[in-house]
Amino acid sequence: MKLLAREVETIKLCANPECETPFAPTRHNQKYCSKECCKVVTNAKIMQQYYEKKDRKSGKKRLCKKCKTTPLSRYNEGTTCQSCVLAERALNRMELLQLVGVA
């Protein structure tokens, strides 16, 4: 089967890691080849978030995703510690000041 150049550009791979079937999207932001693939991935994400929240509330030990050393409190809903958040803010502030020409 011969494909035209414009047809090749519109062929995408399904974003479902279990499927990865090539398909021609009907919408500009379509990621999945079917509604079933979309439903499978969405449900997996929802269940992952559910179990992460359940582990957090039960007190399971978690570490900061950035520094990988600081333990996180069960009351910290995020994935990074406060010192990493503050360091990121300071870095962003310095970059902004450099863009403006103040620093």
PDB file of N, CA and C in Angstrom:
ATOM      1  N   MET A   1       0.844  -1.174   0.000  1.00  0.00           N
ATOM      2  CA  MET A   1       0.000   0.000   0.000  1.00  0.00           C
ATOM      3  C   MET A   1       0.889   1.236   0.000  1.00  0.00           C
ATOM      4  N   LYS A   2       0.619   2.147  -0.900  1.00  0.00           N
ATOM      5  CA  LYS A   2       1.389   3.373  -1.024  1.00  0.00           C
ATOM      6  C   LYS A   2       0.690   4.502  -0.277  1.00  0.00           C
ATOM      7  N   LEU A   3       1.463   5.244   0.526  1.00  0.00           N
ATOM      8  CA  LEU A   3       0.899   6.367   1.271  1.00  0.00           C
ATOM      9  C   LEU A   3       1.384   7.669   0.660  1.00  0.00           C
ATOM     10  N   LEU A   4       0.502   8.621   0.583  1.00  0.00           N
ATOM     11  CA  LEU A   4       0.889   9.942   0.111  1.00  0.00           C
ATOM     12  C   LEU A   4       1.663  10.665   1.205  1.00  0.00           C
ATOM     13  N   ALA A   5       2.439  11.677   0.831  1.00  0.00           N
ATOM     14  CA  ALA A   5       3.258  12.410   1.797  1.00  0.00           C
ATOM     15  C   ALA A   5       2.409  13.050   2.882  1.00  0.00           C
ATOM     16  N   ARG A   6       1.273  13.613   2.521  1.00  0.00           N
ATOM     17  CA  ARG A   6       0.444  14.272   3.538  1.00  0.00           C
ATOM     18  C   ARG A   6      -0.211  13.254   4.470  1.00  0.00           C
ATOM     19  N   GLU A   7      -0.424  12.030   3.999  1.00  0.00           N
ATOM     20  CA  GLU A   7      -0.983  10.999   4.866  1.00  0.00           C
ATOM     21  C   GLU A   7       0.045  10.513   5.872  1.00  0.00           C
ATOM     22  N   VAL A   8       1.309  10.449   5.465  1.00  0.00           N
ATOM     23  CA  VAL A   8       2.368  10.007   6.367  1.00  0.00           C
ATOM     24  C   VAL A   8       2.535  10.993   7.516  1.00  0.00           C
ATOM     25  N   GLU A   9       2.396  12.285   7.252  1.00  0.00           N
ATOM     26  CA  GLU A   9       2.549  13.298   8.290  1.00  0.00           C
ATOM     27  C   GLU A   9       1.467  13.176   9.355  1.00  0.00           C
ATOM     28  N   THR A  10       0.279  12.731   8.975  1.00  0.00           N
ATOM     29  CA  THR A  10      -0.818  12.682   9.926  1.00  0.00           C
ATOM     30  C   THR A  10      -0.902  11.356  10.671  1.00  0.00           C
ATOM     31  N   ILE A  11      -0.065  10.404  10.353  1.00  0.00           N
ATOM     32  CA  ILE A  11      -0.095   9.123  11.050  1.00  0.00           C
ATOM     33  C   ILE A  11       0.645   9.282  12.380  1.00  0.00           C
ATOM     34  N   LYS A  12      -0.008   8.859  13.460  1.00  0.00           N
ATOM     35  CA  LYS A  12       0.584   8.920  14.797  1.00  0.00           C
ATOM     36  C   LYS A  12       0.560   7.525  15.405  1.00  0.00           C
ATOM     37  N   LEU A  13       1.356   7.346  16.440  1.00  0.00           N
ATOM     38  CA  LEU A  13       1.305   6.117  17.214  1.00  0.00           C
ATOM     39  C   LEU A  13       0.424   6.355  18.430  1.00  0.00           C
ATOM     40  N   CYS A  14      -0.360   5.377  18.773  1.00  0.00           N
ATOM     41  CA  CYS A  14      -1.230   5.463  19.944  1.00  0.00           C
ATOM     42  C   CYS A  14      -0.370   5.679  21.192  1.00  0.00           C
ATOM     43  N   ALA A  15      -0.780   6.598  22.068  1.00  0.00           N
ATOM     44  CA  ALA A  15      -0.027   6.925  23.277  1.00  0.00           C
ATOM     45  C   ALA A  15      -0.189   5.876  24.376  1.00  0.00           C
ATOM     46  N   ASN A  16      -1.051   4.912  24.169  1.00  0.00           N
ATOM     47  CA  ASN A  16      -1.203   3.816  25.117  1.00  0.00           C
ATOM     48  C   ASN A  16       0.017   2.904  24.971  1.00  0.00           C
ATOM     49  N   PRO A  17       0.845   2.750  26.029  1.00  0.00           N
ATOM     50  CA  PRO A  17       2.060   1.946  25.903  1.00  0.00           C
ATOM     51  C   PRO A  17       1.785   0.477  25.567  1.00  0.00           C
ATOM     52  N   GLU A  18       0.609  -0.010  25.878  1.00  0.00           N
ATOM     53  CA  GLU A  18       0.268  -1.400  25.570  1.00  0.00           C
ATOM     54  C   GLU A  18      -0.216  -1.568  24.128  1.00  0.00           C
ATOM     55  N   CYS A  19      -0.565  -0.478  23.460  1.00  0.00           N
ATOM     56  CA  CYS A  19      -1.131  -0.552  22.114  1.00  0.00           C
ATOM     57  C   CYS A  19      -0.125  -0.110  21.049  1.00  0.00           C
ATOM     58  N   GLU A  20       0.228   1.156  21.064  1.00  0.00           N
ATOM     59  CA  GLU A  20       1.160   1.765  20.115  1.00  0.00           C
ATOM     60  C   GLU A  20       0.826   1.460  18.649  1.00  0.00           C
ATOM     61  N   THR A  21      -0.442   1.419  18.336  1.00  0.00           N
ATOM     62  CA  THR A  21      -0.901   1.174  16.971  1.00  0.00           C
ATOM     63  C   THR A  21      -0.840   2.464  16.162  1.00  0.00           C
ATOM     64  N   PRO A  22      -0.348   2.412  14.916  1.00  0.00           N
ATOM     65  CA  PRO A  22      -0.396   3.615  14.083  1.00  0.00           C
ATOM     66  C   PRO A  22      -1.843   3.931  13.687  1.00  0.00           C
ATOM     67  N   PHE A  23      -2.185   5.207  13.697  1.00  0.00           N
ATOM     68  CA  PHE A  23      -3.545   5.608  13.333  1.00  0.00           C
ATOM     69  C   PHE A  23      -3.527   6.999  12.734  1.00  0.00           C
ATOM     70  N   ALA A  24      -4.572   7.322  12.007  1.00  0.00           N
ATOM     71  CA  ALA A  24      -4.729   8.658  11.429  1.00  0.00           C
ATOM     72  C   ALA A  24      -5.667   9.445  12.336  1.00  0.00           C
ATOM     73  N   PRO A  25      -5.166  10.476  13.025  1.00  0.00           N
ATOM     74  CA  PRO A  25      -6.011  11.224  13.960  1.00  0.00           C
ATOM     75  C   PRO A  25      -7.104  12.015  13.233  1.00  0.00           C
ATOM     76  N   THR A  26      -8.253  12.099  13.876  1.00  0.00           N
ATOM     77  CA  THR A  26      -9.359  12.869  13.316  1.00  0.00           C
ATOM     78  C   THR A  26      -9.441  14.262  13.935  1.00  0.00           C
ATOM     79  N   ARG A  27      -8.713  14.476  15.049  1.00  0.00           N
ATOM     80  CA  ARG A  27      -8.632  15.786  15.692  1.00  0.00           C
ATOM     81  C   ARG A  27      -7.163  16.143  15.879  1.00  0.00           C
ATOM     82  N   HIS A  28      -6.860  17.410  15.970  1.00  0.00           N
ATOM     83  CA  HIS A  28      -5.472  17.860  16.043  1.00  0.00           C
ATOM     84  C   HIS A  28      -4.750  17.399  17.302  1.00  0.00           C
ATOM     85  N   ASN A  29      -5.483  17.160  18.392  1.00  0.00           N
ATOM     86  CA  ASN A  29      -4.848  16.782  19.645  1.00  0.00           C
ATOM     87  C   ASN A  29      -5.138  15.337  20.047  1.00  0.00           C
ATOM     88  N   GLN A  30      -5.531  14.523  19.129  1.00  0.00           N
ATOM     89  CA  GLN A  30      -5.866  13.130  19.415  1.00  0.00           C
ATOM     90  C   GLN A  30      -4.596  12.345  19.715  1.00  0.00           C
ATOM     91  N   LYS A  31      -4.578  11.631  20.852  1.00  0.00           N
ATOM     92  CA  LYS A  31      -3.408  10.861  21.263  1.00  0.00           C
ATOM     93  C   LYS A  31      -3.617   9.361  21.109  1.00  0.00           C
ATOM     94  N   TYR A  32      -4.859   8.934  21.214  1.00  0.00           N
ATOM     95  CA  TYR A  32      -5.153   7.504  21.263  1.00  0.00           C
ATOM     96  C   TYR A  32      -5.914   7.067  20.020  1.00  0.00           C
ATOM     97  N   CYS A  33      -5.722   5.806  19.658  1.00  0.00           N
ATOM     98  CA  CYS A  33      -6.344   5.304  18.436  1.00  0.00           C
ATOM     99  C   CYS A  33      -7.835   5.050  18.614  1.00  0.00           C
ATOM    100  N   SER A  34      -8.286   4.839  19.844  1.00  0.00           N
ATOM    101  CA  SER A  34      -9.706   4.565  20.087  1.00  0.00           C
ATOM    102  C   SER A  34     -10.107   5.070  21.468  1.00  0.00           C
ATOM    103  N   LYS A  35     -11.401   5.074  21.708  1.00  0.00           N
ATOM    104  CA  LYS A  35     -11.905   5.478  23.020  1.00  0.00           C
ATOM    105  C   LYS A  35     -11.503   4.471  24.091  1.00  0.00           C
ATOM    106  N   GLU A  36     -11.391   3.214  23.697  1.00  0.00           N
ATOM    107  CA  GLU A  36     -10.997   2.176  24.656  1.00  0.00           C
ATOM    108  C   GLU A  36      -9.570   2.404  25.162  1.00  0.00           C
ATOM    109  N   CYS A  37      -8.642   2.733  24.254  1.00  0.00           N
ATOM    110  CA  CYS A  37      -7.263   3.018  24.670  1.00  0.00           C
ATOM    111  C   CYS A  37      -7.233   4.228  25.600  1.00  0.00           C
ATOM    112  N   CYS A  38      -7.993   5.254  25.289  1.00  0.00           N
ATOM    113  CA  CYS A  38      -8.068   6.446  26.123  1.00  0.00           C
ATOM    114  C   CYS A  38      -8.588   6.088  27.514  1.00  0.00           C
ATOM    115  N   LYS A  39      -9.615   5.261  27.560  1.00  0.00           N
ATOM    116  CA  LYS A  39     -10.215   4.861  28.828  1.00  0.00           C
ATOM    117  C   LYS A  39      -9.235   4.046  29.675  1.00  0.00           C
ATOM    118  N   VAL A  40      -8.482   3.148  29.043  1.00  0.00           N
ATOM    119  CA  VAL A  40      -7.522   2.316  29.762  1.00  0.00           C
ATOM    120  C   VAL A  40      -6.439   3.179  30.407  1.00  0.00           C
ATOM    121  N   VAL A  41      -5.865   4.106  29.642  1.00  0.00           N
ATOM    122  CA  VAL A  41      -4.801   4.962  30.155  1.00  0.00           C
ATOM    123  C   VAL A  41      -5.329   5.894  31.247  1.00  0.00           C
ATOM    124  N   THR A  42      -6.503   6.471  31.031  1.00  0.00           N
ATOM    125  CA  THR A  42      -7.095   7.373  32.017  1.00  0.00           C
ATOM    126  C   THR A  42      -7.363   6.643  33.329  1.00  0.00           C
ATOM    127  N   ASN A  43      -7.928   5.453  33.252  1.00  0.00           N
ATOM    128  CA  ASN A  43      -8.210   4.685  34.466  1.00  0.00           C
ATOM    129  C   ASN A  43      -6.922   4.307  35.192  1.00  0.00           C
ATOM    130  N   ALA A  44      -5.870   3.984  34.439  1.00  0.00           N
ATOM    131  CA  ALA A  44      -4.591   3.642  35.069  1.00  0.00           C
ATOM    132  C   ALA A  44      -4.029   4.846  35.819  1.00  0.00           C
ATOM    133  N   LYS A  45      -4.128   6.040  35.227  1.00  0.00           N
ATOM    134  CA  LYS A  45      -3.643   7.255  35.889  1.00  0.00           C
ATOM    135  C   LYS A  45      -4.447   7.541  37.155  1.00  0.00           C
ATOM    136  N   ILE A  46      -5.759   7.379  37.068  1.00  0.00           N
ATOM    137  CA  ILE A  46      -6.618   7.621  38.233  1.00  0.00           C
ATOM    138  C   ILE A  46      -6.273   6.660  39.360  1.00  0.00           C
ATOM    139  N   MET A  47      -6.054   5.403  39.036  1.00  0.00           N
ATOM    140  CA  MET A  47      -5.721   4.419  40.065  1.00  0.00           C
ATOM    141  C   MET A  47      -4.345   4.692  40.668  1.00  0.00           C
ATOM    142  N   GLN A  48      -3.394   5.131  39.858  1.00  0.00           N
ATOM    143  CA  GLN A  48      -2.069   5.468  40.364  1.00  0.00           C
ATOM    144  C   GLN A  48      -2.172   6.624  41.356  1.00  0.00           C
ATOM    145  N   GLN A  49      -2.938   7.664  41.007  1.00  0.00           N
ATOM    146  CA  GLN A  49      -3.115   8.793  41.911  1.00  0.00           C
ATOM    147  C   GLN A  49      -3.813   8.362  43.196  1.00  0.00           C
ATOM    148  N   TYR A  50      -4.779   7.461  43.091  1.00  0.00           N
ATOM    149  CA  TYR A  50      -5.506   6.973  44.258  1.00  0.00           C
ATOM    150  C   TYR A  50      -4.549   6.265  45.227  1.00  0.00           C
ATOM    151  N   TYR A  51      -3.716   5.369  44.697  1.00  0.00           N
ATOM    152  CA  TYR A  51      -2.815   4.620  45.564  1.00  0.00           C
ATOM    153  C   TYR A  51      -1.708   5.501  46.137  1.00  0.00           C
ATOM    154  N   GLU A  52      -1.243   6.496  45.375  1.00  0.00           N
ATOM    155  CA  GLU A  52      -0.259   7.425  45.914  1.00  0.00           C
ATOM    156  C   GLU A  52      -0.840   8.225  47.072  1.00  0.00           C
ATOM    157  N   LYS A  53      -2.078   8.686  46.926  1.00  0.00           N
ATOM    158  CA  LYS A  53      -2.729   9.440  47.998  1.00  0.00           C
ATOM    159  C   LYS A  53      -2.978   8.543  49.209  1.00  0.00           C
ATOM    160  N   LYS A  54      -3.372   7.321  48.959  1.00  0.00           N
ATOM    161  CA  LYS A  54      -3.629   6.373  50.046  1.00  0.00           C
ATOM    162  C   LYS A  54      -2.336   6.093  50.815  1.00  0.00           C
ATOM    163  N   ASP A  55      -1.233   5.883  50.091  1.00  0.00           N
ATOM    164  CA  ASP A  55       0.054   5.648  50.744  1.00  0.00           C
ATOM    165  C   ASP A  55       0.493   6.865  51.549  1.00  0.00           C
ATOM    166  N   ARG A  56       0.277   8.064  50.982  1.00  0.00           N
ATOM    167  CA  ARG A  56       0.664   9.288  51.683  1.00  0.00           C
ATOM    168  C   ARG A  56      -0.112   9.429  52.974  1.00  0.00           C
ATOM    169  N   LYS A  57      -1.410   9.194  52.911  1.00  0.00           N
ATOM    170  CA  LYS A  57      -2.246   9.367  54.105  1.00  0.00           C
ATOM    171  C   LYS A  57      -1.982   8.292  55.154  1.00  0.00           C
ATOM    172  N   SER A  58      -1.541   7.117  54.719  1.00  0.00           N
ATOM    173  CA  SER A  58      -1.261   6.053  55.680  1.00  0.00           C
ATOM    174  C   SER A  58       0.118   6.208  56.315  1.00  0.00           C
ATOM    175  N   GLY A  59       0.907   7.172  55.832  1.00  0.00           N
ATOM    176  CA  GLY A  59       2.199   7.449  56.434  1.00  0.00           C
ATOM    177  C   GLY A  59       3.357   6.708  55.797  1.00  0.00           C
ATOM    178  N   LYS A  60       3.166   6.159  54.613  1.00  0.00           N
ATOM    179  CA  LYS A  60       4.261   5.465  53.934  1.00  0.00           C
ATOM    180  C   LYS A  60       5.392   6.465  53.664  1.00  0.00           C
ATOM    181  N   LYS A  61       6.623   6.020  53.857  1.00  0.00           N
ATOM    182  CA  LYS A  61       7.782   6.902  53.719  1.00  0.00           C
ATOM    183  C   LYS A  61       7.965   7.301  52.254  1.00  0.00           C
ATOM    184  N   ARG A  62       8.066   8.635  52.021  1.00  0.00           N
ATOM    185  CA  ARG A  62       8.301   9.171  50.676  1.00  0.00           C
ATOM    186  C   ARG A  62       9.483  10.109  50.734  1.00  0.00           C
ATOM    187  N   LEU A  63      10.215  10.203  49.624  1.00  0.00           N
ATOM    188  CA  LEU A  63      11.346  11.111  49.531  1.00  0.00           C
ATOM    189  C   LEU A  63      11.070  12.164  48.471  1.00  0.00           C
ATOM    190  N   CYS A  64      11.723  13.314  48.616  1.00  0.00           N
ATOM    191  CA  CYS A  64      11.604  14.407  47.660  1.00  0.00           C
ATOM    192  C   CYS A  64      12.065  13.925  46.286  1.00  0.00           C
ATOM    193  N   LYS A  65      11.304  14.269  45.248  1.00  0.00           N
ATOM    194  CA  LYS A  65      11.643  13.834  43.883  1.00  0.00           C
ATOM    195  C   LYS A  65      12.868  14.547  43.337  1.00  0.00           C
ATOM    196  N   LYS A  66      13.193  15.751  43.848  1.00  0.00           N
ATOM    197  CA  LYS A  66      14.334  16.504  43.319  1.00  0.00           C
ATOM    198  C   LYS A  66      15.629  16.139  44.027  1.00  0.00           C
ATOM    199  N   CYS A  67      15.673  16.291  45.350  1.00  0.00           N
ATOM    200  CA  CYS A  67      16.930  16.034  46.063  1.00  0.00           C
ATOM    201  C   CYS A  67      17.078  14.558  46.447  1.00  0.00           C
ATOM    202  N   LYS A  68      15.997  13.833  46.474  1.00  0.00           N
ATOM    203  CA  LYS A  68      15.970  12.401  46.760  1.00  0.00           C
ATOM    204  C   LYS A  68      16.539  12.022  48.131  1.00  0.00           C
ATOM    205  N   THR A  69      16.630  12.991  49.038  1.00  0.00           N
ATOM    206  CA  THR A  69      17.146  12.691  50.374  1.00  0.00           C
ATOM    207  C   THR A  69      16.169  13.102  51.468  1.00  0.00           C
ATOM    208  N   THR A  70      15.451  14.188  51.295  1.00  0.00           N
ATOM    209  CA  THR A  70      14.580  14.719  52.333  1.00  0.00           C
ATOM    210  C   THR A  70      13.273  13.928  52.393  1.00  0.00           C
ATOM    211  N   PRO A  71      12.955  13.383  53.571  1.00  0.00           N
ATOM    212  CA  PRO A  71      11.662  12.700  53.702  1.00  0.00           C
ATOM    213  C   PRO A  71      10.526  13.720  53.700  1.00  0.00           C
ATOM    214  N   LEU A  72       9.426  13.341  53.075  1.00  0.00           N
ATOM    215  CA  LEU A  72       8.261  14.220  52.988  1.00  0.00           C
ATOM    216  C   LEU A  72       7.253  13.879  54.069  1.00  0.00           C
ATOM    217  N   SER A  73       6.596  14.896  54.570  1.00  0.00           N
ATOM    218  CA  SER A  73       5.550  14.720  55.568  1.00  0.00           C
ATOM    219  C   SER A  73       4.307  14.127  54.913  1.00  0.00           C
ATOM    220  N   ARG A  74       3.515  13.448  55.710  1.00  0.00           N
ATOM    221  CA  ARG A  74       2.259  12.919  55.180  1.00  0.00           C
ATOM    222  C   ARG A  74       1.286  14.047  54.844  1.00  0.00           C
ATOM    223  N   TYR A  75       1.544  15.240  55.371  1.00  0.00           N
ATOM    224  CA  TYR A  75       0.688  16.388  55.097  1.00  0.00           C
ATOM    225  C   TYR A  75       1.123  17.166  53.861  1.00  0.00           C
ATOM    226  N   ASN A  76       2.299  16.850  53.320  1.00  0.00           N
ATOM    227  CA  ASN A  76       2.792  17.472  52.103  1.00  0.00           C
ATOM    228  C   ASN A  76       2.171  16.745  50.917  1.00  0.00           C
ATOM    229  N   GLU A  77       1.237  17.409  50.244  1.00  0.00           N
ATOM    230  CA  GLU A  77       0.549  16.769  49.126  1.00  0.00           C
ATOM    231  C   GLU A  77       1.392  16.731  47.860  1.00  0.00           C
ATOM    232  N   GLY A  78       2.450  17.540  47.810  1.00  0.00           N
ATOM    233  CA  GLY A  78       3.314  17.585  46.640  1.00  0.00           C
ATOM    234  C   GLY A  78       4.338  16.462  46.650  1.00  0.00           C
ATOM    235  N   THR A  79       5.272  16.561  45.703  1.00  0.00           N
ATOM    236  CA  THR A  79       6.311  15.535  45.604  1.00  0.00           C
ATOM    237  C   THR A  79       7.699  16.095  45.885  1.00  0.00           C
ATOM    238  N   THR A  80       7.779  17.391  46.254  1.00  0.00           N
ATOM    239  CA  THR A  80       9.070  18.004  46.549  1.00  0.00           C
ATOM    240  C   THR A  80       9.041  18.642  47.931  1.00  0.00           C
ATOM    241  N   CYS A  81      10.231  18.721  48.539  1.00  0.00           N
ATOM    242  CA  CYS A  81      10.337  19.319  49.873  1.00  0.00           C
ATOM    243  C   CYS A  81      10.346  20.845  49.758  1.00  0.00           C
ATOM    244  N   GLN A  82      10.142  21.495  50.879  1.00  0.00           N
ATOM    245  CA  GLN A  82      10.042  22.948  50.890  1.00  0.00           C
ATOM    246  C   GLN A  82      11.355  23.609  50.474  1.00  0.00           C
ATOM    247  N   SER A  83      12.493  23.043  50.868  1.00  0.00           N
ATOM    248  CA  SER A  83      13.772  23.652  50.495  1.00  0.00           C
ATOM    249  C   SER A  83      13.999  23.588  48.986  1.00  0.00           C
ATOM    250  N   CYS A  84      13.575  22.525  48.327  1.00  0.00           N
ATOM    251  CA  CYS A  84      13.695  22.438  46.861  1.00  0.00           C
ATOM    252  C   CYS A  84      12.744  23.424  46.181  1.00  0.00           C
ATOM    253  N   VAL A  85      11.558  23.601  46.726  1.00  0.00           N
ATOM    254  CA  VAL A  85      10.599  24.557  46.174  1.00  0.00           C
ATOM    255  C   VAL A  85      11.164  25.973  46.278  1.00  0.00           C
ATOM    256  N   LEU A  86      11.726  26.316  47.441  1.00  0.00           N
ATOM    257  CA  LEU A  86      12.302  27.652  47.634  1.00  0.00           C
ATOM    258  C   LEU A  86      13.519  27.876  46.728  1.00  0.00           C
ATOM    259  N   ALA A  87      14.342  26.848  46.549  1.00  0.00           N
ATOM    260  CA  ALA A  87      15.503  26.966  45.668  1.00  0.00           C
ATOM    261  C   ALA A  87      15.064  27.188  44.225  1.00  0.00           C
ATOM    262  N   GLU A  88      14.030  26.500  43.800  1.00  0.00           N
ATOM    263  CA  GLU A  88      13.500  26.668  42.440  1.00  0.00           C
ATOM    264  C   GLU A  88      12.941  28.071  42.246  1.00  0.00           C
ATOM    265  N   ARG A  89      12.236  28.586  43.251  1.00  0.00           N
ATOM    266  CA  ARG A  89      11.700  29.949  43.175  1.00  0.00           C
ATOM    267  C   ARG A  89      12.815  30.981  43.073  1.00  0.00           C
ATOM    268  N   ALA A  90      13.875  30.794  43.863  1.00  0.00           N
ATOM    269  CA  ALA A  90      15.002  31.733  43.833  1.00  0.00           C
ATOM    270  C   ALA A  90      15.683  31.699  42.465  1.00  0.00           C
ATOM    271  N   LEU A  91      15.840  30.525  41.908  1.00  0.00           N
ATOM    272  CA  LEU A  91      16.447  30.395  40.580  1.00  0.00           C
ATOM    273  C   LEU A  91      15.596  31.086  39.520  1.00  0.00           C
ATOM    274  N   ASN A  92      14.283  30.853  39.572  1.00  0.00           N
ATOM    275  CA  ASN A  92      13.374  31.506  38.628  1.00  0.00           C
ATOM    276  C   ASN A  92      13.405  33.025  38.776  1.00  0.00           C
ATOM    277  N   ARG A  93      13.492  33.487  40.023  1.00  0.00           N
ATOM    278  CA  ARG A  93      13.540  34.928  40.273  1.00  0.00           C
ATOM    279  C   ARG A  93      14.818  35.544  39.697  1.00  0.00           C
ATOM    280  N   MET A  94      15.947  34.857  39.883  1.00  0.00           N
ATOM    281  CA  MET A  94      17.214  35.355  39.345  1.00  0.00           C
ATOM    282  C   MET A  94      17.192  35.398  37.818  1.00  0.00           C
ATOM    283  N   GLU A  95      16.620  34.366  37.198  1.00  0.00           N
ATOM    284  CA  GLU A  95      16.513  34.343  35.737  1.00  0.00           C
ATOM    285  C   GLU A  95      15.647  35.497  35.241  1.00  0.00           C
ATOM    286  N   LEU A  96      14.557  35.755  35.939  1.00  0.00           N
ATOM    287  CA  LEU A  96      13.665  36.846  35.566  1.00  0.00           C
ATOM    288  C   LEU A  96      14.367  38.204  35.713  1.00  0.00           C
ATOM    289  N   LEU A  97      15.086  38.382  36.801  1.00  0.00           N
ATOM    290  CA  LEU A  97      15.808  39.635  37.013  1.00  0.00           C
ATOM    291  C   LEU A  97      16.898  39.837  35.952  1.00  0.00           C
ATOM    292  N   GLN A  98      17.541  38.765  35.524  1.00  0.00           N
ATOM    293  CA  GLN A  98      18.545  38.862  34.474  1.00  0.00           C
ATOM    294  C   GLN A  98      17.900  39.244  33.142  1.00  0.00           C
ATOM    295  N   LEU A  99      16.723  38.712  32.869  1.00  0.00           N
ATOM    296  CA  LEU A  99      16.020  39.052  31.639  1.00  0.00           C
ATOM    297  C   LEU A  99      15.629  40.536  31.623  1.00  0.00           C
ATOM    298  N   VAL A 100      15.208  41.036  32.768  1.00  0.00           N
ATOM    299  CA  VAL A 100      14.793  42.422  32.873  1.00  0.00           C
ATOM    300  C   VAL A 100      16.014  43.330  32.867  1.00  0.00           C
ATOM    301  N   GLY A 101      17.146  42.832  33.309  1.00  0.00           N
ATOM    302  CA  GLY A 101      18.366  43.609  33.309  1.00  0.00           C
ATOM    303  C   GLY A 101      18.674  44.251  34.635  1.00  0.00           C
ATOM    304  N   VAL A 102      18.001  43.841  35.687  1.00  0.00           N
ATOM    305  CA  VAL A 102      18.210  44.421  37.000  1.00  0.00           C
ATOM    306  C   VAL A 102      19.420  43.788  37.677  1.00  0.00           C
ATOM    307  N   ALA A 103      19.587  42.503  37.518  1.00  0.00           N
ATOM    308  CA  ALA A 103      20.688  41.801  38.208  1.00  0.00           C
ATOM    309  C   ALA A 103      21.916  41.672  37.352  1.00  0.00           C
TER     310      ALA A 103
END
